[in-house]
Amino acid sequence: YAVGMACALAIERIKRRHDLVTYSEIVAFSRGEALDEVRERGALARRH
């Protein structure tokens, strides 16, 4: 379980490095797509 949590924290660090908040942003990032349009949709996690 500790290994799993360490991996999850590593994912969070990568997300913070690229300013990824929502699942849609992560998918767009992994596909090499522009993130701004996704961010402008105003997902809950980014607005609040």
ModelCIF file with pLDDT and N, C-alpha, C, O atoms, coordinates in Angstrom:
data_MODEL
#
_entry.id   MODEL 
#
_entity.id                         1 
_entity.type                       polymer 
_entity.pdbx_number_of_molecules   1 
#
_entity_poly.entity_id                      1 
_entity_poly.type                           'polypeptide(L)' 
_entity_poly.nstd_linkage                   no 
_entity_poly.nstd_monomer                   no 
_entity_poly.pdbx_seq_one_letter_code       YAVGMACALAIERIKRRHDLVTYSEIVAFSRGEALDEVRERGALARRH 
_entity_poly.pdbx_seq_one_letter_code_can   YAVGMACALAIERIKRRHDLVTYSEIVAFSRGEALDEVRERGALARRH 
_entity_poly.pdbx_strand_id                 A 
#
loop_
_entity_poly_seq.entity_id 
_entity_poly_seq.num 
_entity_poly_seq.mon_id 
_entity_poly_seq.hetero 
1 1  TYR n 
1 2  ALA n 
1 3  VAL n 
1 4  GLY n 
1 5  MET n 
1 6  ALA n 
1 7  CYS n 
1 8  ALA n 
1 9  LEU n 
1 10 ALA n 
1 11 ILE n 
1 12 GLU n 
1 13 ARG n 
1 14 ILE n 
1 15 LYS n 
1 16 ARG n 
1 17 ARG n 
1 18 HIS n 
1 19 ASP n 
1 20 LEU n 
1 21 VAL n 
1 22 THR n 
1 23 TYR n 
1 24 SER n 
1 25 GLU n 
1 26 ILE n 
1 27 VAL n 
1 28 ALA n 
1 29 PHE n 
1 30 SER n 
1 31 ARG n 
1 32 GLY n 
1 33 GLU n 
1 34 ALA n 
1 35 LEU n 
1 36 ASP n 
1 37 GLU n 
1 38 VAL n 
1 39 ARG n 
1 40 GLU n 
1 41 ARG n 
1 42 GLY n 
1 43 ALA n 
1 44 LEU n 
1 45 ALA n 
1 46 ARG n 
1 47 ARG n 
1 48 HIS n 
#
_struct_asym.id          A 
_struct_asym.entity_id   1 
#
loop_
_ma_qa_metric.id 
_ma_qa_metric.mode 
_ma_qa_metric.name 
_ma_qa_metric.software_group_id 
_ma_qa_metric.type 
1 global pLDDT . pLDDT 
2 local  pLDDT . pLDDT 
#
_ma_qa_metric_global.metric_id      1 
_ma_qa_metric_global.metric_value   65.04 
_ma_qa_metric_global.model_id       1 
_ma_qa_metric_global.ordinal_id     1 
#
loop_
_ma_qa_metric_local.label_asym_id 
_ma_qa_metric_local.label_comp_id 
_ma_qa_metric_local.label_seq_id 
_ma_qa_metric_local.metric_id 
_ma_qa_metric_local.metric_value 
_ma_qa_metric_local.model_id 
_ma_qa_metric_local.ordinal_id 
A TYR 1  2 86.00 1 1  
A ALA 2  2 88.00 1 2  
A VAL 3  2 91.00 1 3  
A GLY 4  2 88.00 1 4  
A MET 5  2 87.00 1 5  
A ALA 6  2 90.00 1 6  
A CYS 7  2 90.00 1 7  
A ALA 8  2 87.00 1 8  
A LEU 9  2 87.00 1 9  
A ALA 10 2 89.00 1 10 
A ILE 11 2 84.00 1 11 
A GLU 12 2 81.00 1 12 
A ARG 13 2 81.00 1 13 
A ILE 14 2 80.00 1 14 
A LYS 15 2 75.00 1 15 
A ARG 16 2 72.00 1 16 
A ARG 17 2 69.00 1 17 
A HIS 18 2 64.00 1 18 
A ASP 19 2 62.00 1 19 
A LEU 20 2 61.00 1 20 
A VAL 21 2 55.00 1 21 
A THR 22 2 51.00 1 22 
A TYR 23 2 49.00 1 23 
A SER 24 2 53.00 1 24 
A GLU 25 2 56.00 1 25 
A ILE 26 2 53.00 1 26 
A VAL 27 2 54.00 1 27 
A ALA 28 2 60.00 1 28 
A PHE 29 2 56.00 1 29 
A SER 30 2 53.00 1 30 
A ARG 31 2 59.00 1 31 
A GLY 32 2 60.00 1 32 
A GLU 33 2 60.00 1 33 
A ALA 34 2 59.00 1 34 
A LEU 35 2 57.00 1 35 
A ASP 36 2 59.00 1 36 
A GLU 37 2 57.00 1 37 
A VAL 38 2 54.00 1 38 
A ARG 39 2 55.00 1 39 
A GLU 40 2 55.00 1 40 
A ARG 41 2 51.00 1 41 
A GLY 42 2 46.00 1 42 
A ALA 43 2 50.00 1 43 
A LEU 44 2 46.00 1 44 
A ALA 45 2 48.00 1 45 
A ARG 46 2 50.00 1 46 
A ARG 47 2 54.00 1 47 
A HIS 48 2 50.00 1 48 
#
loop_
_atom_site.group_PDB 
_atom_site.id 
_atom_site.type_symbol 
_atom_site.label_atom_id 
_atom_site.label_alt_id 
_atom_site.label_comp_id 
_atom_site.label_asym_id 
_atom_site.label_entity_id 
_atom_site.label_seq_id 
_atom_site.pdbx_PDB_ins_code 
_atom_site.Cartn_x 
_atom_site.Cartn_y 
_atom_site.Cartn_z 
_atom_site.occupancy 
_atom_site.B_iso_or_equiv 
_atom_site.pdbx_formal_charge 
_atom_site.auth_seq_id 
_atom_site.auth_comp_id 
_atom_site.auth_asym_id 
_atom_site.auth_atom_id 
_atom_site.pdbx_PDB_model_num 
ATOM 1   N N  . TYR A 1 1  ? 0.844   -1.205 0.000   1.00 86.00 ? 1  TYR A N  1 
ATOM 2   C CA . TYR A 1 1  ? 0.000   0.000  0.000   1.00 86.00 ? 1  TYR A CA 1 
ATOM 3   C C  . TYR A 1 1  ? 0.875   1.251  0.000   1.00 86.00 ? 1  TYR A C  1 
ATOM 4   O O  . TYR A 1 1  ? 0.563   2.236  -0.669  1.00 86.00 ? 1  TYR A O  1 
ATOM 5   N N  . ALA A 1 2  ? 1.979   1.204  0.759   1.00 88.00 ? 2  ALA A N  1 
ATOM 6   C CA . ALA A 1 2  ? 2.903   2.341  0.807   1.00 88.00 ? 2  ALA A CA 1 
ATOM 7   C C  . ALA A 1 2  ? 3.507   2.613  -0.570  1.00 88.00 ? 2  ALA A C  1 
ATOM 8   O O  . ALA A 1 2  ? 3.659   3.768  -0.969  1.00 88.00 ? 2  ALA A O  1 
ATOM 9   N N  . VAL A 1 3  ? 3.850   1.544  -1.294  1.00 91.00 ? 3  VAL A N  1 
ATOM 10  C CA . VAL A 1 3  ? 4.377   1.703  -2.656  1.00 91.00 ? 3  VAL A CA 1 
ATOM 11  C C  . VAL A 1 3  ? 3.336   2.358  -3.552  1.00 91.00 ? 3  VAL A C  1 
ATOM 12  O O  . VAL A 1 3  ? 3.652   3.254  -4.335  1.00 91.00 ? 3  VAL A O  1 
ATOM 13  N N  . GLY A 1 4  ? 2.098   1.908  -3.432  1.00 88.00 ? 4  GLY A N  1 
ATOM 14  C CA . GLY A 1 4  ? 1.017   2.495  -4.224  1.00 88.00 ? 4  GLY A CA 1 
ATOM 15  C C  . GLY A 1 4  ? 0.826   3.973  -3.940  1.00 88.00 ? 4  GLY A C  1 
ATOM 16  O O  . GLY A 1 4  ? 0.651   4.771  -4.861  1.00 88.00 ? 4  GLY A O  1 
ATOM 17  N N  . MET A 1 5  ? 0.860   4.339  -2.660  1.00 87.00 ? 5  MET A N  1 
ATOM 18  C CA . MET A 1 5  ? 0.708   5.746  -2.293  1.00 87.00 ? 5  MET A CA 1 
ATOM 19  C C  . MET A 1 5  ? 1.894   6.581  -2.763  1.00 87.00 ? 5  MET A C  1 
ATOM 20  O O  . MET A 1 5  ? 1.722   7.734  -3.157  1.00 87.00 ? 5  MET A O  1 
ATOM 21  N N  . ALA A 1 6  ? 3.096   6.008  -2.724  1.00 90.00 ? 6  ALA A N  1 
ATOM 22  C CA . ALA A 1 6  ? 4.287   6.731  -3.202  1.00 90.00 ? 6  ALA A CA 1 
ATOM 23  C C  . ALA A 1 6  ? 4.164   7.009  -4.698  1.00 90.00 ? 6  ALA A C  1 
ATOM 24  O O  . ALA A 1 6  ? 4.530   8.089  -5.162  1.00 90.00 ? 6  ALA A O  1 
ATOM 25  N N  . CYS A 1 7  ? 3.652   6.040  -5.448  1.00 90.00 ? 7  CYS A N  1 
ATOM 26  C CA . CYS A 1 7  ? 3.442   6.236  -6.886  1.00 90.00 ? 7  CYS A CA 1 
ATOM 27  C C  . CYS A 1 7  ? 2.378   7.300  -7.138  1.00 90.00 ? 7  CYS A C  1 
ATOM 28  O O  . CYS A 1 7  ? 2.515   8.123  -8.043  1.00 90.00 ? 7  CYS A O  1 
ATOM 29  N N  . ALA A 1 8  ? 1.317   7.279  -6.331  1.00 87.00 ? 8  ALA A N  1 
ATOM 30  C CA . ALA A 1 8  ? 0.258   8.278  -6.485  1.00 87.00 ? 8  ALA A CA 1 
ATOM 31  C C  . ALA A 1 8  ? 0.790   9.684  -6.204  1.00 87.00 ? 8  ALA A C  1 
ATOM 32  O O  . ALA A 1 8  ? 0.423   10.637 -6.892  1.00 87.00 ? 8  ALA A O  1 
ATOM 33  N N  . LEU A 1 9  ? 1.648   9.814  -5.199  1.00 87.00 ? 9  LEU A N  1 
ATOM 34  C CA . LEU A 1 9  ? 2.250   11.116 -4.884  1.00 87.00 ? 9  LEU A CA 1 
ATOM 35  C C  . LEU A 1 9  ? 3.168   11.570 -6.011  1.00 87.00 ? 9  LEU A C  1 
ATOM 36  O O  . LEU A 1 9  ? 3.239   12.761 -6.314  1.00 87.00 ? 9  LEU A O  1 
ATOM 37  N N  . ALA A 1 10 ? 3.871   10.626 -6.635  1.00 89.00 ? 10 ALA A N  1 
ATOM 38  C CA . ALA A 1 10 ? 4.741   10.978 -7.766  1.00 89.00 ? 10 ALA A CA 1 
ATOM 39  C C  . ALA A 1 10 ? 3.903   11.509 -8.928  1.00 89.00 ? 10 ALA A C  1 
ATOM 40  O O  . ALA A 1 10 ? 4.315   12.443 -9.615  1.00 89.00 ? 10 ALA A O  1 
ATOM 41  N N  . ILE A 1 11 ? 2.734   10.919 -9.148  1.00 84.00 ? 11 ILE A N  1 
ATOM 42  C CA . ILE A 1 11 ? 1.830   11.414 -10.185 1.00 84.00 ? 11 ILE A CA 1 
ATOM 43  C C  . ILE A 1 11 ? 1.390   12.835 -9.862  1.00 84.00 ? 11 ILE A C  1 
ATOM 44  O O  . ILE A 1 11 ? 1.341   13.688 -10.748 1.00 84.00 ? 11 ILE A O  1 
ATOM 45  N N  . GLU A 1 12 ? 1.069   13.093 -8.589  1.00 81.00 ? 12 GLU A N  1 
ATOM 46  C CA . GLU A 1 12 ? 0.653   14.436 -8.191  1.00 81.00 ? 12 GLU A CA 1 
ATOM 47  C C  . GLU A 1 12 ? 1.757   15.457 -8.433  1.00 81.00 ? 12 GLU A C  1 
ATOM 48  O O  . GLU A 1 12 ? 1.477   16.594 -8.812  1.00 81.00 ? 12 GLU A O  1 
ATOM 49  N N  . ARG A 1 13 ? 3.015   15.059 -8.218  1.00 81.00 ? 13 ARG A N  1 
ATOM 50  C CA . ARG A 1 13 ? 4.129   15.981 -8.466  1.00 81.00 ? 13 ARG A CA 1 
ATOM 51  C C  . ARG A 1 13 ? 4.229   16.333 -9.946  1.00 81.00 ? 13 ARG A C  1 
ATOM 52  O O  . ARG A 1 13 ? 4.482   17.484 -10.301 1.00 81.00 ? 13 ARG A O  1 
ATOM 53  N N  . ILE A 1 14 ? 4.029   15.336 -10.806 1.00 80.00 ? 14 ILE A N  1 
ATOM 54  C CA . ILE A 1 14 ? 4.060   15.604 -12.248 1.00 80.00 ? 14 ILE A CA 1 
ATOM 55  C C  . ILE A 1 14 ? 2.899   16.518 -12.630 1.00 80.00 ? 14 ILE A C  1 
ATOM 56  O O  . ILE A 1 14 ? 3.065   17.435 -13.435 1.00 80.00 ? 14 ILE A O  1 
ATOM 57  N N  . LYS A 1 15 ? 1.731   16.270 -12.056 1.00 75.00 ? 15 LYS A N  1 
ATOM 58  C CA . LYS A 1 15 ? 0.575   17.115 -12.350 1.00 75.00 ? 15 LYS A CA 1 
ATOM 59  C C  . LYS A 1 15 ? 0.829   18.556 -11.929 1.00 75.00 ? 15 LYS A C  1 
ATOM 60  O O  . LYS A 1 15 ? 0.479   19.487 -12.654 1.00 75.00 ? 15 LYS A O  1 
ATOM 61  N N  . ARG A 1 16 ? 1.432   18.741 -10.768 1.00 72.00 ? 16 ARG A N  1 
ATOM 62  C CA . ARG A 1 16 ? 1.732   20.102 -10.311 1.00 72.00 ? 16 ARG A CA 1 
ATOM 63  C C  . ARG A 1 16 ? 2.754   20.776 -11.219 1.00 72.00 ? 16 ARG A C  1 
ATOM 64  O O  . ARG A 1 16 ? 2.657   21.972 -11.491 1.00 72.00 ? 16 ARG A O  1 
ATOM 65  N N  . ARG A 1 17 ? 3.740   19.999 -11.689 1.00 69.00 ? 17 ARG A N  1 
ATOM 66  C CA . ARG A 1 17 ? 4.765   20.559 -12.562 1.00 69.00 ? 17 ARG A CA 1 
ATOM 67  C C  . ARG A 1 17 ? 4.164   21.130 -13.833 1.00 69.00 ? 17 ARG A C  1 
ATOM 68  O O  . ARG A 1 17 ? 4.640   22.131 -14.368 1.00 69.00 ? 17 ARG A O  1 
ATOM 69  N N  . HIS A 1 18 ? 3.109   20.478 -14.312 1.00 64.00 ? 18 HIS A N  1 
ATOM 70  C CA . HIS A 1 18 ? 2.491   20.917 -15.564 1.00 64.00 ? 18 HIS A CA 1 
ATOM 71  C C  . HIS A 1 18 ? 1.160   21.631 -15.316 1.00 64.00 ? 18 HIS A C  1 
ATOM 72  O O  . HIS A 1 18 ? 0.404   21.881 -16.254 1.00 64.00 ? 18 HIS A O  1 
ATOM 73  N N  . ASP A 1 19 ? 0.879   21.956 -14.062 1.00 62.00 ? 19 ASP A N  1 
ATOM 74  C CA . ASP A 1 19 ? -0.347  22.671 -13.701 1.00 62.00 ? 19 ASP A CA 1 
ATOM 75  C C  . ASP A 1 19 ? -1.578  21.904 -14.170 1.00 62.00 ? 19 ASP A C  1 
ATOM 76  O O  . ASP A 1 19 ? -2.501  22.492 -14.734 1.00 62.00 ? 19 ASP A O  1 
ATOM 77  N N  . LEU A 1 20 ? -1.592  20.587 -13.938 1.00 61.00 ? 20 LEU A N  1 
ATOM 78  C CA . LEU A 1 20 ? -2.728  19.750 -14.299 1.00 61.00 ? 20 LEU A CA 1 
ATOM 79  C C  . LEU A 1 20 ? -3.605  19.559 -13.072 1.00 61.00 ? 20 LEU A C  1 
ATOM 80  O O  . LEU A 1 20 ? -3.126  19.124 -12.025 1.00 61.00 ? 20 LEU A O  1 
ATOM 81  N N  . VAL A 1 21 ? -4.894  19.885 -13.198 1.00 55.00 ? 21 VAL A N  1 
ATOM 82  C CA . VAL A 1 21 ? -5.803  19.788 -12.058 1.00 55.00 ? 21 VAL A CA 1 
ATOM 83  C C  . VAL A 1 21 ? -6.883  18.748 -12.298 1.00 55.00 ? 21 VAL A C  1 
ATOM 84  O O  . VAL A 1 21 ? -7.147  17.909 -11.437 1.00 55.00 ? 21 VAL A O  1 
ATOM 85  N N  . THR A 1 22 ? -7.511  18.801 -13.475 1.00 51.00 ? 22 THR A N  1 
ATOM 86  C CA . THR A 1 22 ? -8.640  17.916 -13.731 1.00 51.00 ? 22 THR A CA 1 
ATOM 87  C C  . THR A 1 22 ? -8.233  16.730 -14.593 1.00 51.00 ? 22 THR A C  1 
ATOM 88  O O  . THR A 1 22 ? -7.168  16.725 -15.210 1.00 51.00 ? 22 THR A O  1 
ATOM 89  N N  . TYR A 1 23 ? -9.106  15.724 -14.623 1.00 49.00 ? 23 TYR A N  1 
ATOM 90  C CA . TYR A 1 23 ? -8.853  14.538 -15.441 1.00 49.00 ? 23 TYR A CA 1 
ATOM 91  C C  . TYR A 1 23 ? -8.786  14.916 -16.923 1.00 49.00 ? 23 TYR A C  1 
ATOM 92  O O  . TYR A 1 23 ? -7.968  14.374 -17.667 1.00 49.00 ? 23 TYR A O  1 
ATOM 93  N N  . SER A 1 24 ? -9.639  15.836 -17.346 1.00 53.00 ? 24 SER A N  1 
ATOM 94  C CA . SER A 1 24 ? -9.637  16.273 -18.745 1.00 53.00 ? 24 SER A CA 1 
ATOM 95  C C  . SER A 1 24 ? -8.298  16.878 -19.131 1.00 53.00 ? 24 SER A C  1 
ATOM 96  O O  . SER A 1 24 ? -7.807  16.672 -20.241 1.00 53.00 ? 24 SER A O  1 
ATOM 97  N N  . GLU A 1 25 ? -7.714  17.623 -18.208 1.00 56.00 ? 25 GLU A N  1 
ATOM 98  C CA . GLU A 1 25 ? -6.410  18.230 -18.474 1.00 56.00 ? 25 GLU A CA 1 
ATOM 99  C C  . GLU A 1 25 ? -5.326  17.162 -18.594 1.00 56.00 ? 25 GLU A C  1 
ATOM 100 O O  . GLU A 1 25 ? -4.443  17.269 -19.444 1.00 56.00 ? 25 GLU A O  1 
ATOM 101 N N  . ILE A 1 26 ? -5.387  16.144 -17.757 1.00 53.00 ? 26 ILE A N  1 
ATOM 102 C CA . ILE A 1 26 ? -4.400  15.061 -17.808 1.00 53.00 ? 26 ILE A CA 1 
ATOM 103 C C  . ILE A 1 26 ? -4.491  14.338 -19.146 1.00 53.00 ? 26 ILE A C  1 
ATOM 104 O O  . ILE A 1 26 ? -3.469  14.032 -19.761 1.00 53.00 ? 26 ILE A O  1 
ATOM 105 N N  . VAL A 1 27 ? -5.726  14.061 -19.602 1.00 54.00 ? 27 VAL A N  1 
ATOM 106 C CA . VAL A 1 27 ? -5.914  13.378 -20.884 1.00 54.00 ? 27 VAL A CA 1 
ATOM 107 C C  . VAL A 1 27 ? -5.375  14.238 -22.023 1.00 54.00 ? 27 VAL A C  1 
ATOM 108 O O  . VAL A 1 27 ? -4.684  13.740 -22.912 1.00 54.00 ? 27 VAL A O  1 
ATOM 109 N N  . ALA A 1 28 ? -5.698  15.546 -21.991 1.00 60.00 ? 28 ALA A N  1 
ATOM 110 C CA . ALA A 1 28 ? -5.219  16.447 -23.038 1.00 60.00 ? 28 ALA A CA 1 
ATOM 111 C C  . ALA A 1 28 ? -3.695  16.513 -23.037 1.00 60.00 ? 28 ALA A C  1 
ATOM 112 O O  . ALA A 1 28 ? -3.065  16.520 -24.095 1.00 60.00 ? 28 ALA A O  1 
ATOM 113 N N  . PHE A 1 29 ? -3.110  16.561 -21.846 1.00 56.00 ? 29 PHE A N  1 
ATOM 114 C CA . PHE A 1 29 ? -1.649  16.611 -21.726 1.00 56.00 ? 29 PHE A CA 1 
ATOM 115 C C  . PHE A 1 29 ? -1.016  15.360 -22.316 1.00 56.00 ? 29 PHE A C  1 
ATOM 116 O O  . PHE A 1 29 ? -0.038  15.444 -23.058 1.00 56.00 ? 29 PHE A O  1 
ATOM 117 N N  . SER A 1 30 ? -1.576  14.199 -21.986 1.00 53.00 ? 30 SER A N  1 
ATOM 118 C CA . SER A 1 30 ? -1.002  12.938 -22.457 1.00 53.00 ? 30 SER A CA 1 
ATOM 119 C C  . SER A 1 30 ? -1.104  12.800 -23.972 1.00 53.00 ? 30 SER A C  1 
ATOM 120 O O  . SER A 1 30 ? -0.323  12.081 -24.596 1.00 53.00 ? 30 SER A O  1 
ATOM 121 N N  . ARG A 1 31 ? -2.079  13.499 -24.556 1.00 59.00 ? 31 ARG A N  1 
ATOM 122 C CA . ARG A 1 31 ? -2.244  13.448 -26.015 1.00 59.00 ? 31 ARG A CA 1 
ATOM 123 C C  . ARG A 1 31 ? -1.481  14.563 -26.723 1.00 59.00 ? 31 ARG A C  1 
ATOM 124 O O  . ARG A 1 31 ? -1.491  14.642 -27.952 1.00 59.00 ? 31 ARG A O  1 
ATOM 125 N N  . GLY A 1 32 ? -0.824  15.420 -25.956 1.00 60.00 ? 32 GLY A N  1 
ATOM 126 C CA . GLY A 1 32 ? -0.081  16.522 -26.542 1.00 60.00 ? 32 GLY A CA 1 
ATOM 127 C C  . GLY A 1 32 ? -0.969  17.640 -27.042 1.00 60.00 ? 32 GLY A C  1 
ATOM 128 O O  . GLY A 1 32 ? -0.549  18.439 -27.879 1.00 60.00 ? 32 GLY A O  1 
ATOM 129 N N  . GLU A 1 33 ? -2.217  17.707 -26.530 1.00 60.00 ? 33 GLU A N  1 
ATOM 130 C CA . GLU A 1 33 ? -3.156  18.727 -26.967 1.00 60.00 ? 33 GLU A CA 1 
ATOM 131 C C  . GLU A 1 33 ? -2.989  19.999 -26.137 1.00 60.00 ? 33 GLU A C  1 
ATOM 132 O O  . GLU A 1 33 ? -2.398  19.974 -25.058 1.00 60.00 ? 33 GLU A O  1 
ATOM 133 N N  . ALA A 1 34 ? -3.517  21.114 -26.655 1.00 59.00 ? 34 ALA A N  1 
ATOM 134 C CA . ALA A 1 34 ? -3.473  22.385 -25.924 1.00 59.00 ? 34 ALA A CA 1 
ATOM 135 C C  . ALA A 1 34 ? -4.346  22.279 -24.677 1.00 59.00 ? 34 ALA A C  1 
ATOM 136 O O  . ALA A 1 34 ? -5.456  21.751 -24.730 1.00 59.00 ? 34 ALA A O  1 
ATOM 137 N N  . LEU A 1 35 ? -3.837  22.784 -23.560 1.00 57.00 ? 35 LEU A N  1 
ATOM 138 C CA . LEU A 1 35 ? -4.558  22.659 -22.289 1.00 57.00 ? 35 LEU A CA 1 
ATOM 139 C C  . LEU A 1 35 ? -5.477  23.840 -21.997 1.00 57.00 ? 35 LEU A C  1 
ATOM 140 O O  . LEU A 1 35 ? -6.411  23.716 -21.204 1.00 57.00 ? 35 LEU A O  1 
ATOM 141 N N  . ASP A 1 36 ? -5.222  24.972 -22.622 1.00 59.00 ? 36 ASP A N  1 
ATOM 142 C CA . ASP A 1 36 ? -5.966  26.176 -22.245 1.00 59.00 ? 36 ASP A CA 1 
ATOM 143 C C  . ASP A 1 36 ? -7.466  26.043 -22.477 1.00 59.00 ? 36 ASP A C  1 
ATOM 144 O O  . ASP A 1 36 ? -8.259  26.493 -21.650 1.00 59.00 ? 36 ASP A O  1 
ATOM 145 N N  . GLU A 1 37 ? -7.868  25.426 -23.599 1.00 57.00 ? 37 GLU A N  1 
ATOM 146 C CA . GLU A 1 37 ? -9.298  25.282 -23.868 1.00 57.00 ? 37 GLU A CA 1 
ATOM 147 C C  . GLU A 1 37 ? -9.957  24.417 -22.806 1.00 57.00 ? 37 GLU A C  1 
ATOM 148 O O  . GLU A 1 37 ? -11.085 24.678 -22.387 1.00 57.00 ? 37 GLU A O  1 
ATOM 149 N N  . VAL A 1 38 ? -9.245  23.388 -22.378 1.00 54.00 ? 38 VAL A N  1 
ATOM 150 C CA . VAL A 1 38 ? -9.782  22.515 -21.329 1.00 54.00 ? 38 VAL A CA 1 
ATOM 151 C C  . VAL A 1 38 ? -9.911  23.287 -20.024 1.00 54.00 ? 38 VAL A C  1 
ATOM 152 O O  . VAL A 1 38 ? -10.916 23.171 -19.322 1.00 54.00 ? 38 VAL A O  1 
ATOM 153 N N  . ARG A 1 39 ? -8.869  24.089 -19.697 1.00 55.00 ? 39 ARG A N  1 
ATOM 154 C CA . ARG A 1 39 ? -8.877  24.838 -18.453 1.00 55.00 ? 39 ARG A CA 1 
ATOM 155 C C  . ARG A 1 39 ? -9.958  25.909 -18.434 1.00 55.00 ? 39 ARG A C  1 
ATOM 156 O O  . ARG A 1 39 ? -10.517 26.214 -17.381 1.00 55.00 ? 39 ARG A O  1 
ATOM 157 N N  . GLU A 1 40 ? -10.251 26.480 -19.604 1.00 55.00 ? 40 GLU A N  1 
ATOM 158 C CA . GLU A 1 40 ? -11.232 27.560 -19.670 1.00 55.00 ? 40 GLU A CA 1 
ATOM 159 C C  . GLU A 1 40 ? -12.659 27.085 -19.480 1.00 55.00 ? 40 GLU A C  1 
ATOM 160 O O  . GLU A 1 40 ? -13.566 27.897 -19.298 1.00 55.00 ? 40 GLU A O  1 
ATOM 161 N N  . ARG A 1 41 ? -12.866 25.773 -19.521 1.00 51.00 ? 41 ARG A N  1 
ATOM 162 C CA . ARG A 1 41 ? -14.213 25.259 -19.289 1.00 51.00 ? 41 ARG A CA 1 
ATOM 163 C C  . ARG A 1 41 ? -14.644 25.455 -17.843 1.00 51.00 ? 41 ARG A C  1 
ATOM 164 O O  . ARG A 1 41 ? -15.816 25.299 -17.500 1.00 51.00 ? 41 ARG A O  1 
ATOM 165 N N  . GLY A 1 42 ? -13.672 25.800 -17.000 1.00 46.00 ? 42 GLY A N  1 
ATOM 166 C CA . GLY A 1 42 ? -13.999 26.131 -15.612 1.00 46.00 ? 42 GLY A CA 1 
ATOM 167 C C  . GLY A 1 42 ? -14.411 24.951 -14.776 1.00 46.00 ? 42 GLY A C  1 
ATOM 168 O O  . GLY A 1 42 ? -15.435 25.003 -14.095 1.00 46.00 ? 42 GLY A O  1 
ATOM 169 N N  . ALA A 1 43 ? -13.636 23.886 -14.810 1.00 50.00 ? 43 ALA A N  1 
ATOM 170 C CA . ALA A 1 43 ? -13.945 22.710 -13.996 1.00 50.00 ? 43 ALA A CA 1 
ATOM 171 C C  . ALA A 1 43 ? -13.923 23.072 -12.525 1.00 50.00 ? 43 ALA A C  1 
ATOM 172 O O  . ALA A 1 43 ? -13.232 24.004 -12.114 1.00 50.00 ? 43 ALA A O  1 
ATOM 173 N N  . LEU A 1 44 ? -14.678 22.335 -11.741 1.00 46.00 ? 44 LEU A N  1 
ATOM 174 C CA . LEU A 1 44 ? -14.814 22.606 -10.307 1.00 46.00 ? 44 LEU A CA 1 
ATOM 175 C C  . LEU A 1 44 ? -13.472 22.677 -9.598  1.00 46.00 ? 44 LEU A C  1 
ATOM 176 O O  . LEU A 1 44 ? -13.235 23.583 -8.799  1.00 46.00 ? 44 LEU A O  1 
ATOM 177 N N  . ALA A 1 45 ? -12.586 21.718 -9.890  1.00 48.00 ? 45 ALA A N  1 
ATOM 178 C CA . ALA A 1 45 ? -11.304 21.651 -9.185  1.00 48.00 ? 45 ALA A CA 1 
ATOM 179 C C  . ALA A 1 45 ? -10.446 22.883 -9.437  1.00 48.00 ? 45 ALA A C  1 
ATOM 180 O O  . ALA A 1 45 ? -9.647  23.262 -8.581  1.00 48.00 ? 45 ALA A O  1 
ATOM 181 N N  . ARG A 1 46 ? -10.599 23.518 -10.610 1.00 50.00 ? 46 ARG A N  1 
ATOM 182 C CA . ARG A 1 46 ? -9.798  24.710 -10.895 1.00 50.00 ? 46 ARG A CA 1 
ATOM 183 C C  . ARG A 1 46 ? -10.489 25.977 -10.398 1.00 50.00 ? 46 ARG A C  1 
ATOM 184 O O  . ARG A 1 46 ? -9.828  26.896 -9.914  1.00 50.00 ? 46 ARG A O  1 
ATOM 185 N N  . ARG A 1 47 ? -11.811 26.031 -10.516 1.00 54.00 ? 47 ARG A N  1 
ATOM 186 C CA . ARG A 1 47 ? -12.522 27.232 -10.057 1.00 54.00 ? 47 ARG A CA 1 
ATOM 187 C C  . ARG A 1 47 ? -12.577 27.304 -8.535  1.00 54.00 ? 47 ARG A C  1 
ATOM 188 O O  . ARG A 1 47 ? -12.511 28.384 -7.949  1.00 54.00 ? 47 ARG A O  1 
ATOM 189 N N  . HIS A 1 48 ? -12.700 26.141 -7.907  1.00 50.00 ? 48 HIS A N  1 
ATOM 190 C CA . HIS A 1 48 ? -12.804 26.083 -6.437  1.00 50.00 ? 48 HIS A CA 1 
ATOM 191 C C  . HIS A 1 48 ? -11.827 25.026 -5.912  1.00 50.00 ? 48 HIS A C  1 
ATOM 192 O O  . HIS A 1 48 ? -11.745 24.807 -4.704  1.00 50.00 ? 48 HIS A O  1 
#
